Amino acid sequence: MVKKKKIPMRKDIVTGEMVPKRELIRVVKNKENEVSLDPTGKKPGRGAYVAVSVAVAQKAKKERTFDKAFGVTLTDEFYDELIQYADHQQARQELFCKND
């Protein structure tokens, strides 16, 4: 019998869906209350996840999702960076289309 690899799942904070971790973008708030994107997934602090989707990132900006989740006020520039990063990652996923 072949053991299947267990895929780590996380909840998309915008849609509420459980999604494989590798299909999400991690956003982290550190002890200094600074919120940033975490491409490595290893930054220390409280993390929240959002799907690699421009539409979902735009919805997060519209609803100020990370402001509410982390109890801080974020700039539009943060959300614009998130949207741009989601666009880049979405394009990479489509280009390299990994079917593991």
PDB file of N, CA and C in Angstrom:
ATOM      1  N   MET A   1       0.844  -1.179   0.000  1.00  0.00           N
ATOM      2  CA  MET A   1       0.000   0.000   0.000  1.00  0.00           C
ATOM      3  C   MET A   1       0.897   1.252   0.000  1.00  0.00           C
ATOM      4  N   VAL A   2       0.584   2.196  -0.881  1.00  0.00           N
ATOM      5  CA  VAL A   2       1.332   3.437  -0.997  1.00  0.00           C
ATOM      6  C   VAL A   2       0.667   4.495  -0.121  1.00  0.00           C
ATOM      7  N   LYS A   3       1.487   5.121   0.731  1.00  0.00           N
ATOM      8  CA  LYS A   3       0.955   6.182   1.585  1.00  0.00           C
ATOM      9  C   LYS A   3       0.845   7.465   0.780  1.00  0.00           C
ATOM     10  N   LYS A   4      -0.291   8.120   0.902  1.00  0.00           N
ATOM     11  CA  LYS A   4      -0.465   9.406   0.245  1.00  0.00           C
ATOM     12  C   LYS A   4       0.110  10.502   1.128  1.00  0.00           C
ATOM     13  N   LYS A   5       0.744  11.457   0.485  1.00  0.00           N
ATOM     14  CA  LYS A   5       1.278  12.600   1.206  1.00  0.00           C
ATOM     15  C   LYS A   5       0.118  13.479   1.663  1.00  0.00           C
ATOM     16  N   LYS A   6       0.128  13.865   2.923  1.00  0.00           N
ATOM     17  CA  LYS A   6      -0.921  14.737   3.439  1.00  0.00           C
ATOM     18  C   LYS A   6      -0.615  16.176   3.033  1.00  0.00           C
ATOM     19  N   ILE A   7      -1.571  16.804   2.392  1.00  0.00           N
ATOM     20  CA  ILE A   7      -1.391  18.175   1.922  1.00  0.00           C
ATOM     21  C   ILE A   7      -1.853  19.136   3.018  1.00  0.00           C
ATOM     22  N   PRO A   8      -0.943  20.038   3.475  1.00  0.00           N
ATOM     23  CA  PRO A   8      -1.357  20.996   4.505  1.00  0.00           C
ATOM     24  C   PRO A   8      -2.392  21.978   3.944  1.00  0.00           C
ATOM     25  N   MET A   9      -3.458  22.162   4.690  1.00  0.00           N
ATOM     26  CA  MET A   9      -4.545  23.055   4.270  1.00  0.00           C
ATOM     27  C   MET A   9      -4.601  24.250   5.219  1.00  0.00           C
ATOM     28  N   ARG A  10      -4.994  25.385   4.680  1.00  0.00           N
ATOM     29  CA  ARG A  10      -5.191  26.597   5.474  1.00  0.00           C
ATOM     30  C   ARG A  10      -6.474  27.269   4.986  1.00  0.00           C
ATOM     31  N   LYS A  11      -7.033  28.116   5.839  1.00  0.00           N
ATOM     32  CA  LYS A  11      -8.267  28.807   5.500  1.00  0.00           C
ATOM     33  C   LYS A  11      -7.962  30.166   4.875  1.00  0.00           C
ATOM     34  N   ASP A  12      -8.555  30.400   3.718  1.00  0.00           N
ATOM     35  CA  ASP A  12      -8.461  31.708   3.063  1.00  0.00           C
ATOM     36  C   ASP A  12      -9.297  32.677   3.883  1.00  0.00           C
ATOM     37  N   ILE A  13      -8.661  33.727   4.386  1.00  0.00           N
ATOM     38  CA  ILE A  13      -9.329  34.671   5.278  1.00  0.00           C
ATOM     39  C   ILE A  13     -10.420  35.476   4.567  1.00  0.00           C
ATOM     40  N   VAL A  14     -10.343  35.576   3.253  1.00  0.00           N
ATOM     41  CA  VAL A  14     -11.325  36.362   2.498  1.00  0.00           C
ATOM     42  C   VAL A  14     -12.549  35.524   2.139  1.00  0.00           C
ATOM     43  N   THR A  15     -12.316  34.328   1.605  1.00  0.00           N
ATOM     44  CA  THR A  15     -13.436  33.502   1.138  1.00  0.00           C
ATOM     45  C   THR A  15     -13.923  32.507   2.185  1.00  0.00           C
ATOM     46  N   GLY A  16     -13.074  32.208   3.164  1.00  0.00           N
ATOM     47  CA  GLY A  16     -13.439  31.229   4.188  1.00  0.00           C
ATOM     48  C   GLY A  16     -13.252  29.789   3.745  1.00  0.00           C
ATOM     49  N   GLU A  17     -12.703  29.573   2.554  1.00  0.00           N
ATOM     50  CA  GLU A  17     -12.495  28.223   2.023  1.00  0.00           C
ATOM     51  C   GLU A  17     -11.183  27.630   2.517  1.00  0.00           C
ATOM     52  N   MET A  18     -11.177  26.314   2.702  1.00  0.00           N
ATOM     53  CA  MET A  18      -9.940  25.598   3.017  1.00  0.00           C
ATOM     54  C   MET A  18      -9.227  25.311   1.696  1.00  0.00           C
ATOM     55  N   VAL A  19      -7.961  25.707   1.617  1.00  0.00           N
ATOM     56  CA  VAL A  19      -7.196  25.620   0.380  1.00  0.00           C
ATOM     57  C   VAL A  19      -5.815  25.038   0.695  1.00  0.00           C
ATOM     58  N   PRO A  20      -5.219  24.265  -0.219  1.00  0.00           N
ATOM     59  CA  PRO A  20      -3.849  23.802   0.013  1.00  0.00           C
ATOM     60  C   PRO A  20      -2.913  24.989   0.255  1.00  0.00           C
ATOM     61  N   LYS A  21      -2.056  24.840   1.246  1.00  0.00           N
ATOM     62  CA  LYS A  21      -1.176  25.927   1.670  1.00  0.00           C
ATOM     63  C   LYS A  21      -0.361  26.525   0.530  1.00  0.00           C
ATOM     64  N   ARG A  22       0.079  25.680  -0.404  1.00  0.00           N
ATOM     65  CA  ARG A  22       0.920  26.185  -1.492  1.00  0.00           C
ATOM     66  C   ARG A  22       0.147  27.052  -2.490  1.00  0.00           C
ATOM     67  N   GLU A  23      -1.174  27.081  -2.383  1.00  0.00           N
ATOM     68  CA  GLU A  23      -1.996  27.914  -3.265  1.00  0.00           C
ATOM     69  C   GLU A  23      -2.438  29.196  -2.571  1.00  0.00           C
ATOM     70  N   LEU A  24      -1.757  29.532  -1.477  1.00  0.00           N
ATOM     71  CA  LEU A  24      -2.117  30.713  -0.694  1.00  0.00           C
ATOM     72  C   LEU A  24      -0.918  31.639  -0.532  1.00  0.00           C
ATOM     73  N   ILE A  25      -1.226  32.889  -0.215  1.00  0.00           N
ATOM     74  CA  ILE A  25      -0.210  33.889   0.121  1.00  0.00           C
ATOM     75  C   ILE A  25      -0.330  34.129   1.620  1.00  0.00           C
ATOM     76  N   ARG A  26       0.800  34.058   2.330  1.00  0.00           N
ATOM     77  CA  ARG A  26       0.783  34.310   3.768  1.00  0.00           C
ATOM     78  C   ARG A  26       1.081  35.787   4.012  1.00  0.00           C
ATOM     79  N   VAL A  27       0.276  36.382   4.870  1.00  0.00           N
ATOM     80  CA  VAL A  27       0.485  37.756   5.327  1.00  0.00           C
ATOM     81  C   VAL A  27       0.727  37.644   6.823  1.00  0.00           C
ATOM     82  N   VAL A  28       1.730  38.350   7.318  1.00  0.00           N
ATOM     83  CA  VAL A  28       2.113  38.194   8.726  1.00  0.00           C
ATOM     84  C   VAL A  28       2.173  39.545   9.437  1.00  0.00           C
ATOM     85  N   LYS A  29       1.760  39.526  10.718  1.00  0.00           N
ATOM     86  CA  LYS A  29       1.895  40.709  11.587  1.00  0.00           C
ATOM     87  C   LYS A  29       2.914  40.350  12.656  1.00  0.00           C
ATOM     88  N   ASN A  30       3.979  41.169  12.770  1.00  0.00           N
ATOM     89  CA  ASN A  30       5.019  40.876  13.753  1.00  0.00           C
ATOM     90  C   ASN A  30       4.728  41.576  15.088  1.00  0.00           C
ATOM     91  N   LYS A  31       5.643  41.432  16.033  1.00  0.00           N
ATOM     92  CA  LYS A  31       5.448  42.000  17.375  1.00  0.00           C
ATOM     93  C   LYS A  31       5.358  43.521  17.374  1.00  0.00           C
ATOM     94  N   GLU A  32       5.941  44.147  16.364  1.00  0.00           N
ATOM     95  CA  GLU A  32       5.901  45.612  16.245  1.00  0.00           C
ATOM     96  C   GLU A  32       4.643  46.088  15.512  1.00  0.00           C
ATOM     97  N   ASN A  33       3.688  45.171  15.297  1.00  0.00           N
ATOM     98  CA  ASN A  33       2.438  45.454  14.582  1.00  0.00           C
ATOM     99  C   ASN A  33       2.656  45.845  13.120  1.00  0.00           C
ATOM    100  N   GLU A  34       3.772  45.408  12.543  1.00  0.00           N
ATOM    101  CA  GLU A  34       4.027  45.640  11.129  1.00  0.00           C
ATOM    102  C   GLU A  34       3.449  44.462  10.350  1.00  0.00           C
ATOM    103  N   VAL A  35       2.706  44.781   9.312  1.00  0.00           N
ATOM    104  CA  VAL A  35       2.081  43.749   8.481  1.00  0.00           C
ATOM    105  C   VAL A  35       2.806  43.712   7.139  1.00  0.00           C
ATOM    106  N   SER A  36       3.167  42.494   6.709  1.00  0.00           N
ATOM    107  CA  SER A  36       3.882  42.359   5.440  1.00  0.00           C
ATOM    108  C   SER A  36       3.554  41.027   4.788  1.00  0.00           C
ATOM    109  N   LEU A  37       3.845  40.955   3.497  1.00  0.00           N
ATOM    110  CA  LEU A  37       3.710  39.690   2.769  1.00  0.00           C
ATOM    111  C   LEU A  37       4.843  38.780   3.210  1.00  0.00           C
ATOM    112  N   ASP A  38       4.574  37.490   3.233  1.00  0.00           N
ATOM    113  CA  ASP A  38       5.574  36.516   3.662  1.00  0.00           C
ATOM    114  C   ASP A  38       5.738  35.448   2.576  1.00  0.00           C
ATOM    115  N   PRO A  39       6.539  35.753   1.544  1.00  0.00           N
ATOM    116  CA  PRO A  39       6.706  34.798   0.443  1.00  0.00           C
ATOM    117  C   PRO A  39       7.319  33.467   0.886  1.00  0.00           C
ATOM    118  N   THR A  40       8.144  33.482   1.935  1.00  0.00           N
ATOM    119  CA  THR A  40       8.802  32.258   2.393  1.00  0.00           C
ATOM    120  C   THR A  40       7.892  31.414   3.274  1.00  0.00           C
ATOM    121  N   GLY A  41       6.906  32.055   3.902  1.00  0.00           N
ATOM    122  CA  GLY A  41       6.024  31.348   4.825  1.00  0.00           C
ATOM    123  C   GLY A  41       6.682  31.060   6.157  1.00  0.00           C
ATOM    124  N   LYS A  42       7.813  31.719   6.440  1.00  0.00           N
ATOM    125  CA  LYS A  42       8.565  31.420   7.650  1.00  0.00           C
ATOM    126  C   LYS A  42       8.819  32.612   8.556  1.00  0.00           C
ATOM    127  N   LYS A  43       8.301  33.784   8.204  1.00  0.00           N
ATOM    128  CA  LYS A  43       8.503  34.951   9.055  1.00  0.00           C
ATOM    129  C   LYS A  43       7.809  34.732  10.396  1.00  0.00           C
ATOM    130  N   PRO A  44       8.422  35.204  11.478  1.00  0.00           N
ATOM    131  CA  PRO A  44       7.768  35.065  12.779  1.00  0.00           C
ATOM    132  C   PRO A  44       6.598  36.036  12.908  1.00  0.00           C
ATOM    133  N   GLY A  45       5.590  35.631  13.628  1.00  0.00           N
ATOM    134  CA  GLY A  45       4.434  36.488  13.855  1.00  0.00           C
ATOM    135  C   GLY A  45       3.144  35.757  13.548  1.00  0.00           C
ATOM    136  N   ARG A  46       2.055  36.495  13.677  1.00  0.00           N
ATOM    137  CA  ARG A  46       0.732  35.927  13.417  1.00  0.00           C
ATOM    138  C   ARG A  46       0.450  35.977  11.921  1.00  0.00           C
ATOM    139  N   GLY A  47       0.095  34.848  11.366  1.00  0.00           N
ATOM    140  CA  GLY A  47      -0.131  34.774   9.931  1.00  0.00           C
ATOM    141  C   GLY A  47      -1.589  34.618   9.578  1.00  0.00           C
ATOM    142  N   ALA A  48      -1.924  35.094   8.402  1.00  0.00           N
ATOM    143  CA  ALA A  48      -3.250  34.897   7.810  1.00  0.00           C
ATOM    144  C   ALA A  48      -3.012  34.638   6.327  1.00  0.00           C
ATOM    145  N   TYR A  49      -3.932  33.914   5.721  1.00  0.00           N
ATOM    146  CA  TYR A  49      -3.728  33.468   4.340  1.00  0.00           C
ATOM    147  C   TYR A  49      -4.814  33.992   3.409  1.00  0.00           C
ATOM    148  N   VAL A  50      -4.391  34.256   2.169  1.00  0.00           N
ATOM    149  CA  VAL A  50      -5.307  34.703   1.125  1.00  0.00           C
ATOM    150  C   VAL A  50      -4.946  33.948  -0.159  1.00  0.00           C
ATOM    151  N   ALA A  51      -5.953  33.609  -0.933  1.00  0.00           N
ATOM    152  CA  ALA A  51      -5.744  32.842  -2.165  1.00  0.00           C
ATOM    153  C   ALA A  51      -4.881  33.612  -3.159  1.00  0.00           C
ATOM    154  N   VAL A  52      -4.155  32.855  -3.971  1.00  0.00           N
ATOM    155  CA  VAL A  52      -3.373  33.431  -5.060  1.00  0.00           C
ATOM    156  C   VAL A  52      -4.359  33.747  -6.180  1.00  0.00           C
ATOM    157  N   SER A  53      -5.052  34.868  -6.009  1.00  0.00           N
ATOM    158  CA  SER A  53      -6.071  35.289  -6.966  1.00  0.00           C
ATOM    159  C   SER A  53      -6.200  36.805  -6.901  1.00  0.00           C
ATOM    160  N   VAL A  54      -6.099  37.439  -8.049  1.00  0.00           N
ATOM    161  CA  VAL A  54      -6.228  38.890  -8.093  1.00  0.00           C
ATOM    162  C   VAL A  54      -7.613  39.313  -7.599  1.00  0.00           C
ATOM    163  N   ALA A  55      -8.642  38.595  -7.998  1.00  0.00           N
ATOM    164  CA  ALA A  55     -10.014  38.938  -7.586  1.00  0.00           C
ATOM    165  C   ALA A  55     -10.168  38.869  -6.070  1.00  0.00           C
ATOM    166  N   VAL A  56      -9.593  37.844  -5.451  1.00  0.00           N
ATOM    167  CA  VAL A  56      -9.687  37.700  -3.997  1.00  0.00           C
ATOM    168  C   VAL A  56      -8.877  38.800  -3.303  1.00  0.00           C
ATOM    169  N   ALA A  57      -7.700  39.125  -3.833  1.00  0.00           N
ATOM    170  CA  ALA A  57      -6.875  40.198  -3.268  1.00  0.00           C
ATOM    171  C   ALA A  57      -7.600  41.549  -3.377  1.00  0.00           C
ATOM    172  N   GLN A  58      -8.281  41.767  -4.495  1.00  0.00           N
ATOM    173  CA  GLN A  58      -9.045  43.008  -4.663  1.00  0.00           C
ATOM    174  C   GLN A  58     -10.205  43.060  -3.676  1.00  0.00           C
ATOM    175  N   LYS A  59     -10.835  41.924  -3.427  1.00  0.00           N
ATOM    176  CA  LYS A  59     -11.917  41.860  -2.442  1.00  0.00           C
ATOM    177  C   LYS A  59     -11.377  42.150  -1.041  1.00  0.00           C
ATOM    178  N   ALA A  60     -10.178  41.642  -0.750  1.00  0.00           N
ATOM    179  CA  ALA A  60      -9.545  41.913   0.547  1.00  0.00           C
ATOM    180  C   ALA A  60      -9.323  43.416   0.722  1.00  0.00           C
ATOM    181  N   LYS A  61      -8.904  44.085  -0.355  1.00  0.00           N
ATOM    182  CA  LYS A  61      -8.695  45.545  -0.289  1.00  0.00           C
ATOM    183  C   LYS A  61     -10.018  46.256  -0.070  1.00  0.00           C
ATOM    184  N   LYS A  62     -11.023  45.870  -0.831  1.00  0.00           N
ATOM    185  CA  LYS A  62     -12.336  46.516  -0.744  1.00  0.00           C
ATOM    186  C   LYS A  62     -12.929  46.381   0.664  1.00  0.00           C
ATOM    187  N   GLU A  63     -12.780  45.178   1.243  1.00  0.00           N
ATOM    188  CA  GLU A  63     -13.371  44.914   2.555  1.00  0.00           C
ATOM    189  C   GLU A  63     -12.414  45.191   3.717  1.00  0.00           C
ATOM    190  N   ARG A  64     -11.173  45.600   3.379  1.00  0.00           N
ATOM    191  CA  ARG A  64     -10.144  45.890   4.398  1.00  0.00           C
ATOM    192  C   ARG A  64      -9.967  44.685   5.333  1.00  0.00           C
ATOM    193  N   THR A  65      -9.915  43.511   4.746  1.00  0.00           N
ATOM    194  CA  THR A  65      -9.886  42.248   5.484  1.00  0.00           C
ATOM    195  C   THR A  65      -8.735  42.165   6.482  1.00  0.00           C
ATOM    196  N   PHE A  66      -7.538  42.543   6.065  1.00  0.00           N
ATOM    197  CA  PHE A  66      -6.386  42.402   6.959  1.00  0.00           C
ATOM    198  C   PHE A  66      -6.376  43.467   8.048  1.00  0.00           C
ATOM    199  N   ASP A  67      -6.978  44.619   7.814  1.00  0.00           N
ATOM    200  CA  ASP A  67      -7.143  45.614   8.878  1.00  0.00           C
ATOM    201  C   ASP A  67      -7.930  44.993  10.034  1.00  0.00           C
ATOM    202  N   LYS A  68      -9.028  44.332   9.662  1.00  0.00           N
ATOM    203  CA  LYS A  68      -9.906  43.713  10.662  1.00  0.00           C
ATOM    204  C   LYS A  68      -9.229  42.523  11.334  1.00  0.00           C
ATOM    205  N   ALA A  69      -8.577  41.682  10.545  1.00  0.00           N
ATOM    206  CA  ALA A  69      -7.965  40.458  11.076  1.00  0.00           C
ATOM    207  C   ALA A  69      -6.837  40.762  12.065  1.00  0.00           C
ATOM    208  N   PHE A  70      -6.061  41.790  11.767  1.00  0.00           N
ATOM    209  CA  PHE A  70      -4.907  42.098  12.604  1.00  0.00           C
ATOM    210  C   PHE A  70      -5.145  43.273  13.553  1.00  0.00           C
ATOM    211  N   GLY A  71      -6.285  43.924  13.453  1.00  0.00           N
ATOM    212  CA  GLY A  71      -6.587  45.047  14.339  1.00  0.00           C
ATOM    213  C   GLY A  71      -5.676  46.250  14.125  1.00  0.00           C
ATOM    214  N   VAL A  72      -5.324  46.495  12.871  1.00  0.00           N
ATOM    215  CA  VAL A  72      -4.464  47.628  12.512  1.00  0.00           C
ATOM    216  C   VAL A  72      -5.092  48.365  11.332  1.00  0.00           C
ATOM    217  N   THR A  73      -4.537  49.516  10.999  1.00  0.00           N
ATOM    218  CA  THR A  73      -4.969  50.242   9.815  1.00  0.00           C
ATOM    219  C   THR A  73      -3.856  50.158   8.787  1.00  0.00           C
ATOM    220  N   LEU A  74      -4.157  49.528   7.670  1.00  0.00           N
ATOM    221  CA  LEU A  74      -3.162  49.354   6.612  1.00  0.00           C
ATOM    222  C   LEU A  74      -3.402  50.351   5.488  1.00  0.00           C
ATOM    223  N   THR A  75      -2.338  50.674   4.784  1.00  0.00           N
ATOM    224  CA  THR A  75      -2.432  51.622   3.674  1.00  0.00           C
ATOM    225  C   THR A  75      -2.943  50.927   2.420  1.00  0.00           C
ATOM    226  N   ASP A  76      -3.433  51.730   1.495  1.00  0.00           N
ATOM    227  CA  ASP A  76      -3.824  51.196   0.186  1.00  0.00           C
ATOM    228  C   ASP A  76      -2.612  50.585  -0.509  1.00  0.00           C
ATOM    229  N   GLU A  77      -1.420  51.128  -0.240  1.00  0.00           N
ATOM    230  CA  GLU A  77      -0.197  50.617  -0.861  1.00  0.00           C
ATOM    231  C   GLU A  77       0.034  49.160  -0.476  1.00  0.00           C
ATOM    232  N   PHE A  78      -0.270  48.796   0.782  1.00  0.00           N
ATOM    233  CA  PHE A  78      -0.121  47.399   1.194  1.00  0.00           C
ATOM    234  C   PHE A  78      -1.027  46.509   0.338  1.00  0.00           C
ATOM    235  N   TYR A  79      -2.287  46.908   0.203  1.00  0.00           N
ATOM    236  CA  TYR A  79      -3.232  46.105  -0.576  1.00  0.00           C
ATOM    237  C   TYR A  79      -2.848  46.076  -2.054  1.00  0.00           C
ATOM    238  N   ASP A  80      -2.331  47.196  -2.565  1.00  0.00           N
ATOM    239  CA  ASP A  80      -1.886  47.228  -3.966  1.00  0.00           C
ATOM    240  C   ASP A  80      -0.706  46.266  -4.174  1.00  0.00           C
ATOM    241  N   GLU A  81       0.199  46.204  -3.191  1.00  0.00           N
ATOM    242  CA  GLU A  81       1.323  45.270  -3.252  1.00  0.00           C
ATOM    243  C   GLU A  81       0.808  43.828  -3.230  1.00  0.00           C
ATOM    244  N   LEU A  82      -0.193  43.574  -2.389  1.00  0.00           N
ATOM    245  CA  LEU A  82      -0.804  42.245  -2.313  1.00  0.00           C
ATOM    246  C   LEU A  82      -1.420  41.849  -3.655  1.00  0.00           C
ATOM    247  N   ILE A  83      -2.150  42.773  -4.268  1.00  0.00           N
ATOM    248  CA  ILE A  83      -2.787  42.509  -5.565  1.00  0.00           C
ATOM    249  C   ILE A  83      -1.725  42.234  -6.632  1.00  0.00           C
ATOM    250  N   GLN A  84      -0.679  43.044  -6.637  1.00  0.00           N
ATOM    251  CA  GLN A  84       0.403  42.866  -7.615  1.00  0.00           C
ATOM    252  C   GLN A  84       1.098  41.525  -7.399  1.00  0.00           C
ATOM    253  N   TYR A  85       1.349  41.166  -6.141  1.00  0.00           N
ATOM    254  CA  TYR A  85       2.006  39.887  -5.832  1.00  0.00           C
ATOM    255  C   TYR A  85       1.101  38.709  -6.228  1.00  0.00           C
ATOM    256  N   ALA A  86      -0.193  38.839  -5.944  1.00  0.00           N
ATOM    257  CA  ALA A  86      -1.148  37.784  -6.319  1.00  0.00           C
ATOM    258  C   ALA A  86      -1.166  37.605  -7.836  1.00  0.00           C
ATOM    259  N   ASP A  87      -1.138  38.707  -8.560  1.00  0.00           N
ATOM    260  CA  ASP A  87      -1.124  38.658 -10.023  1.00  0.00           C
ATOM    261  C   ASP A  87       0.122  37.914 -10.517  1.00  0.00           C
ATOM    262  N   HIS A  88       1.259  38.241  -9.936  1.00  0.00           N
ATOM    263  CA  HIS A  88       2.521  37.599 -10.318  1.00  0.00           C
ATOM    264  C   HIS A  88       2.481  36.099 -10.009  1.00  0.00           C
ATOM    265  N   GLN A  89       2.030  35.742  -8.815  1.00  0.00           N
ATOM    266  CA  GLN A  89       1.989  34.337  -8.418  1.00  0.00           C
ATOM    267  C   GLN A  89       0.959  33.552  -9.228  1.00  0.00           C
ATOM    268  N   GLN A  90      -0.157  34.185  -9.537  1.00  0.00           N
ATOM    269  CA  GLN A  90      -1.191  33.544 -10.350  1.00  0.00           C
ATOM    270  C   GLN A  90      -0.632  33.233 -11.737  1.00  0.00           C
ATOM    271  N   ALA A  91       0.097  34.170 -12.306  1.00  0.00           N
ATOM    272  CA  ALA A  91       0.705  33.963 -13.622  1.00  0.00           C
ATOM    273  C   ALA A  91       1.730  32.831 -13.565  1.00  0.00           C
ATOM    274  N   ARG A  92       2.523  32.776 -12.491  1.00  0.00           N
ATOM    275  CA  ARG A  92       3.508  31.700 -12.332  1.00  0.00           C
ATOM    276  C   ARG A  92       2.820  30.338 -12.241  1.00  0.00           C
ATOM    277  N   GLN A  93       1.731  30.272 -11.463  1.00  0.00           N
ATOM    278  CA  GLN A  93       1.013  29.007 -11.324  1.00  0.00           C
ATOM    279  C   GLN A  93       0.466  28.539 -12.662  1.00  0.00           C
ATOM    280  N   GLU A  94      -0.064  29.478 -13.434  1.00  0.00           N
ATOM    281  CA  GLU A  94      -0.608  29.114 -14.744  1.00  0.00           C
ATOM    282  C   GLU A  94       0.502  28.680 -15.700  1.00  0.00           C
ATOM    283  N   LEU A  95       1.644  29.351 -15.606  1.00  0.00           N
ATOM    284  CA  LEU A  95       2.767  29.053 -16.482  1.00  0.00           C
ATOM    285  C   LEU A  95       3.384  27.691 -16.176  1.00  0.00           C
ATOM    286  N   PHE A  96       3.609  27.445 -14.896  1.00  0.00           N
ATOM    287  CA  PHE A  96       4.292  26.215 -14.491  1.00  0.00           C
ATOM    288  C   PHE A  96       3.346  25.090 -14.122  1.00  0.00           C
ATOM    289  N   CYS A  97       2.077  25.403 -13.911  1.00  0.00           N
ATOM    290  CA  CYS A  97       0.991  24.452 -13.681  1.00  0.00           C
ATOM    291  C   CYS A  97       1.450  23.138 -13.056  1.00  0.00           C
ATOM    292  N   LYS A  98       1.799  23.176 -11.799  1.00  0.00           N
ATOM    293  CA  LYS A  98       2.275  21.972 -11.112  1.00  0.00           C
ATOM    294  C   LYS A  98       1.086  21.133 -10.678  1.00  0.00           C
ATOM    295  N   ASN A  99       1.061  19.904 -11.097  1.00  0.00           N
ATOM    296  CA  ASN A  99      -0.005  18.960 -10.739  1.00  0.00           C
ATOM    297  C   ASN A  99       0.557  17.874  -9.852  1.00  0.00           C
ATOM    298  N   ASP A 100       1.035  18.253  -8.677  1.00  0.00           N
ATOM    299  CA  ASP A 100       1.624  17.274  -7.741  1.00  0.00           C
ATOM    300  C   ASP A 100       0.563  16.428  -7.106  1.00  0.00           C
TER     301      ASP A 100
END
